[in-house]
Amino acid sequence: MNNFVHSTIGLLHLTAAVVAMITGAIVILTPKATVRHKRIGYVYVVSMLLVNLTAFLIYQLFGKFGPFHVAALFSFVTILGGMIPILFRRRFPDWLSYHYFFMNWSVVGLYAAFWAETLVRLFRMAQFWPVVVLATLATTLTGSILIRRHKDRFLTGRPATPIGKPTLFP
């Protein structure tokens, strides 16, 4: 276990990531706008916040701030971009679109990070970057196709924004 998980922080990072992968998949694959969706979604968000926080405490690969820390910043932005419109939906005329795209991209990013994290343990550094880039491109391309293919199904028939409510983007 010492070769696979380098520290307690690494174990917490791994555990939170596994929880996020499971709950993210459940949220994407099951009916929306249900109590179950909301509860599992909040578990996903909390686990992703833990993944991002612990990512900033892990420096074994580069010994300093590296590309995976930048990815954690992007991940944090997707979580905020997906949750702020939900929490302040009266201020966002197109809140469901924001939520849909940001949260879906959050899950795609999580799975891309999974491939990078897995591959870093399987390949030497000389082989690592080409394999990670290819796996990330394949994951994001697949995610992009699926997000675009299913957007109309999830974004049509949504409730209208309440009339007379202030918006952040008039």
Protein backbone atom coordinates (compact mmCIF):
# COMPACT_ATOMS: atom_id res chain seq x y z
CA MET A 1 0.00 0.00 0.00
CA ASN A 2 2.91 2.34 0.63
CA ASN A 3 3.81 2.33 -3.07
CA PHE A 4 0.24 3.04 -4.18
CA VAL A 5 -0.82 5.60 -1.55
CA HIS A 6 2.02 7.83 -0.39
CA SER A 7 0.38 9.44 2.65
CA THR A 8 -2.78 9.91 4.67
CA ILE A 9 -3.58 12.90 2.45
CA GLY A 10 -3.11 10.65 -0.59
CA LEU A 11 -5.51 8.10 0.91
CA LEU A 12 -8.10 10.81 1.62
CA HIS A 13 -7.64 12.13 -1.95
CA LEU A 14 -8.12 8.64 -3.40
CA THR A 15 -11.16 7.88 -1.22
CA ALA A 16 -12.84 11.19 -2.07
CA ALA A 17 -12.09 10.65 -5.77
CA VAL A 18 -13.65 7.17 -5.74
CA VAL A 19 -16.75 8.53 -3.97
CA ALA A 20 -16.91 11.36 -6.53
CA MET A 21 -16.58 8.95 -9.45
CA ILE A 22 -19.39 6.76 -8.15
CA THR A 23 -21.75 9.59 -7.19
CA GLY A 24 -20.92 11.56 -10.37
CA ALA A 25 -21.84 8.56 -12.50
CA ILE A 26 -25.06 8.02 -10.55
CA VAL A 27 -26.08 11.67 -10.90
CA ILE A 28 -25.42 11.66 -14.64
CA LEU A 29 -27.11 8.33 -15.34
CA THR A 30 -30.26 8.66 -13.21
CA PRO A 31 -33.35 10.92 -13.42
CA LYS A 32 -32.84 14.62 -12.69
CA ALA A 33 -34.75 17.05 -10.46
CA THR A 34 -35.44 14.41 -7.82
CA VAL A 35 -34.63 14.37 -4.12
CA ARG A 36 -32.20 11.51 -4.85
CA HIS A 37 -30.45 13.57 -7.55
CA LYS A 38 -30.05 16.47 -5.15
CA ARG A 39 -28.75 14.36 -2.25
CA ILE A 40 -26.30 12.35 -4.33
CA GLY A 41 -25.30 15.55 -6.12
CA TYR A 42 -24.34 17.18 -2.83
CA VAL A 43 -22.25 14.11 -1.91
CA TYR A 44 -20.55 14.51 -5.29
CA VAL A 45 -19.86 18.22 -4.68
CA VAL A 46 -18.45 17.66 -1.18
CA SER A 47 -16.26 14.78 -2.38
CA MET A 48 -15.01 16.90 -5.29
CA LEU A 49 -14.18 19.76 -2.94
CA LEU A 50 -12.16 17.27 -0.88
CA VAL A 51 -10.44 15.97 -4.03
CA ASN A 52 -9.49 19.52 -5.02
CA LEU A 53 -8.36 20.52 -1.53
CA THR A 54 -6.21 17.43 -1.05
CA ALA A 55 -4.74 17.84 -4.55
CA PHE A 56 -3.08 21.04 -3.32
CA LEU A 57 -1.41 19.09 -0.52
CA ILE A 58 0.18 16.48 -2.79
CA TYR A 59 3.57 17.26 -4.35
CA GLN A 60 5.24 13.86 -4.82
CA LEU A 61 5.18 13.88 -8.63
CA PHE A 62 6.85 17.24 -9.35
CA GLY A 63 7.96 18.48 -5.92
CA LYS A 64 6.25 21.81 -6.59
CA PHE A 65 3.05 23.32 -7.99
CA GLY A 66 2.42 21.41 -11.21
CA PRO A 67 -0.05 20.80 -14.02
CA PHE A 68 -2.32 18.67 -11.86
CA HIS A 69 -2.69 21.56 -9.43
CA VAL A 70 -3.79 23.72 -12.37
CA ALA A 71 -6.29 20.99 -13.27
CA ALA A 72 -7.58 21.08 -9.68
CA LEU A 73 -8.20 24.82 -10.07
CA PHE A 74 -10.20 24.19 -13.25
CA SER A 75 -12.09 21.44 -11.44
CA PHE A 76 -12.94 23.82 -8.60
CA VAL A 77 -14.22 26.37 -11.13
CA THR A 78 -16.50 23.76 -12.74
CA ILE A 79 -17.96 22.90 -9.34
CA LEU A 80 -18.59 26.57 -8.58
CA GLY A 81 -19.97 27.13 -12.08
CA GLY A 82 -22.41 24.27 -11.58
CA MET A 83 -23.49 25.06 -8.04
CA ILE A 84 -23.72 28.87 -7.91
CA PRO A 85 -26.54 28.96 -10.51
CA ILE A 86 -28.44 26.30 -8.54
CA LEU A 87 -28.01 28.08 -5.22
CA PHE A 88 -28.92 31.47 -6.72
CA ARG A 89 -31.26 30.33 -9.50
CA ARG A 90 -33.49 33.39 -9.23
CA ARG A 91 -30.51 35.50 -10.29
CA PHE A 92 -29.56 33.28 -13.25
CA PRO A 93 -32.06 33.33 -16.11
CA ASP A 94 -30.49 30.24 -17.67
CA TRP A 95 -29.46 28.50 -14.43
CA LEU A 96 -30.23 25.00 -15.68
CA SER A 97 -27.89 25.36 -18.66
CA TYR A 98 -25.08 26.54 -16.42
CA HIS A 99 -25.69 23.69 -14.02
CA TYR A 100 -25.90 21.11 -16.81
CA PHE A 101 -22.75 22.11 -18.65
CA PHE A 102 -20.52 22.89 -15.66
CA MET A 103 -21.47 19.78 -13.69
CA ASN A 104 -21.13 17.51 -16.71
CA TRP A 105 -17.71 18.97 -17.47
CA SER A 106 -16.81 18.50 -13.82
CA VAL A 107 -17.50 14.77 -14.14
CA VAL A 108 -15.63 14.57 -17.47
CA GLY A 109 -12.65 16.29 -15.85
CA LEU A 110 -12.81 13.87 -12.94
CA TYR A 111 -12.65 10.89 -15.27
CA ALA A 112 -9.80 12.49 -17.25
CA ALA A 113 -7.97 12.97 -13.95
CA PHE A 114 -8.66 9.33 -13.09
CA TRP A 115 -6.82 8.26 -16.25
CA ALA A 116 -3.91 10.58 -15.50
CA GLU A 117 -3.69 9.38 -11.89
CA THR A 118 -3.86 5.75 -12.94
CA LEU A 119 -1.36 6.12 -15.75
CA VAL A 120 1.17 7.99 -13.59
CA ARG A 121 1.49 4.77 -11.60
CA LEU A 122 1.87 2.53 -14.65
CA PHE A 123 4.34 4.39 -16.90
CA ARG A 124 7.73 6.01 -16.53
CA MET A 125 7.84 9.78 -16.96
CA ALA A 126 9.15 9.51 -20.55
CA GLN A 127 6.03 7.53 -21.51
CA PHE A 128 3.73 9.25 -19.07
CA TRP A 129 2.97 12.54 -20.85
CA PRO A 130 2.04 11.12 -24.27
CA VAL A 131 -0.21 8.51 -22.66
CA VAL A 132 -1.85 11.05 -20.32
CA VAL A 133 -2.44 13.50 -23.17
CA LEU A 134 -4.02 10.79 -25.34
CA ALA A 135 -6.20 9.48 -22.49
CA THR A 136 -7.27 13.01 -21.55
CA LEU A 137 -8.11 13.88 -25.15
CA ALA A 138 -10.09 10.66 -25.58
CA THR A 139 -12.00 11.28 -22.33
CA THR A 140 -12.79 14.92 -23.10
CA LEU A 141 -13.77 14.19 -26.70
CA THR A 142 -16.12 11.41 -25.59
CA GLY A 143 -17.50 13.66 -22.84
CA SER A 144 -18.01 16.53 -25.27
CA ILE A 145 -19.96 14.33 -27.68
CA LEU A 146 -22.16 12.92 -24.91
CA ILE A 147 -22.80 16.32 -23.31
CA ARG A 148 -23.86 17.84 -26.64
CA ARG A 149 -25.88 14.79 -27.67
CA HIS A 150 -27.98 14.79 -24.50
CA LYS A 151 -28.31 18.52 -23.77
CA ASP A 152 -31.69 18.98 -25.48
CA ARG A 153 -33.19 16.12 -23.51
CA PHE A 154 -32.17 17.73 -20.21
CA LEU A 155 -32.56 21.40 -21.04
CA THR A 156 -35.99 21.49 -22.70
CA GLY A 157 -39.17 21.90 -20.74
CA ARG A 158 -37.40 23.68 -17.91
CA PRO A 159 -39.35 26.17 -15.81
CA ALA A 160 -39.17 29.80 -16.89
CA THR A 161 -37.28 32.37 -14.86
CA PRO A 162 -39.61 34.23 -12.47
CA ILE A 163 -40.67 37.57 -13.98
CA GLY A 164 -39.42 40.68 -12.23
CA LYS A 165 -36.59 38.94 -10.39
CA PRO A 166 -33.16 40.58 -10.65
CA THR A 167 -30.52 38.73 -12.67
CA LEU A 168 -26.75 38.85 -12.68
CA PHE A 169 -26.75 38.83 -16.49
CA PRO A 170 -29.58 41.06 -17.77
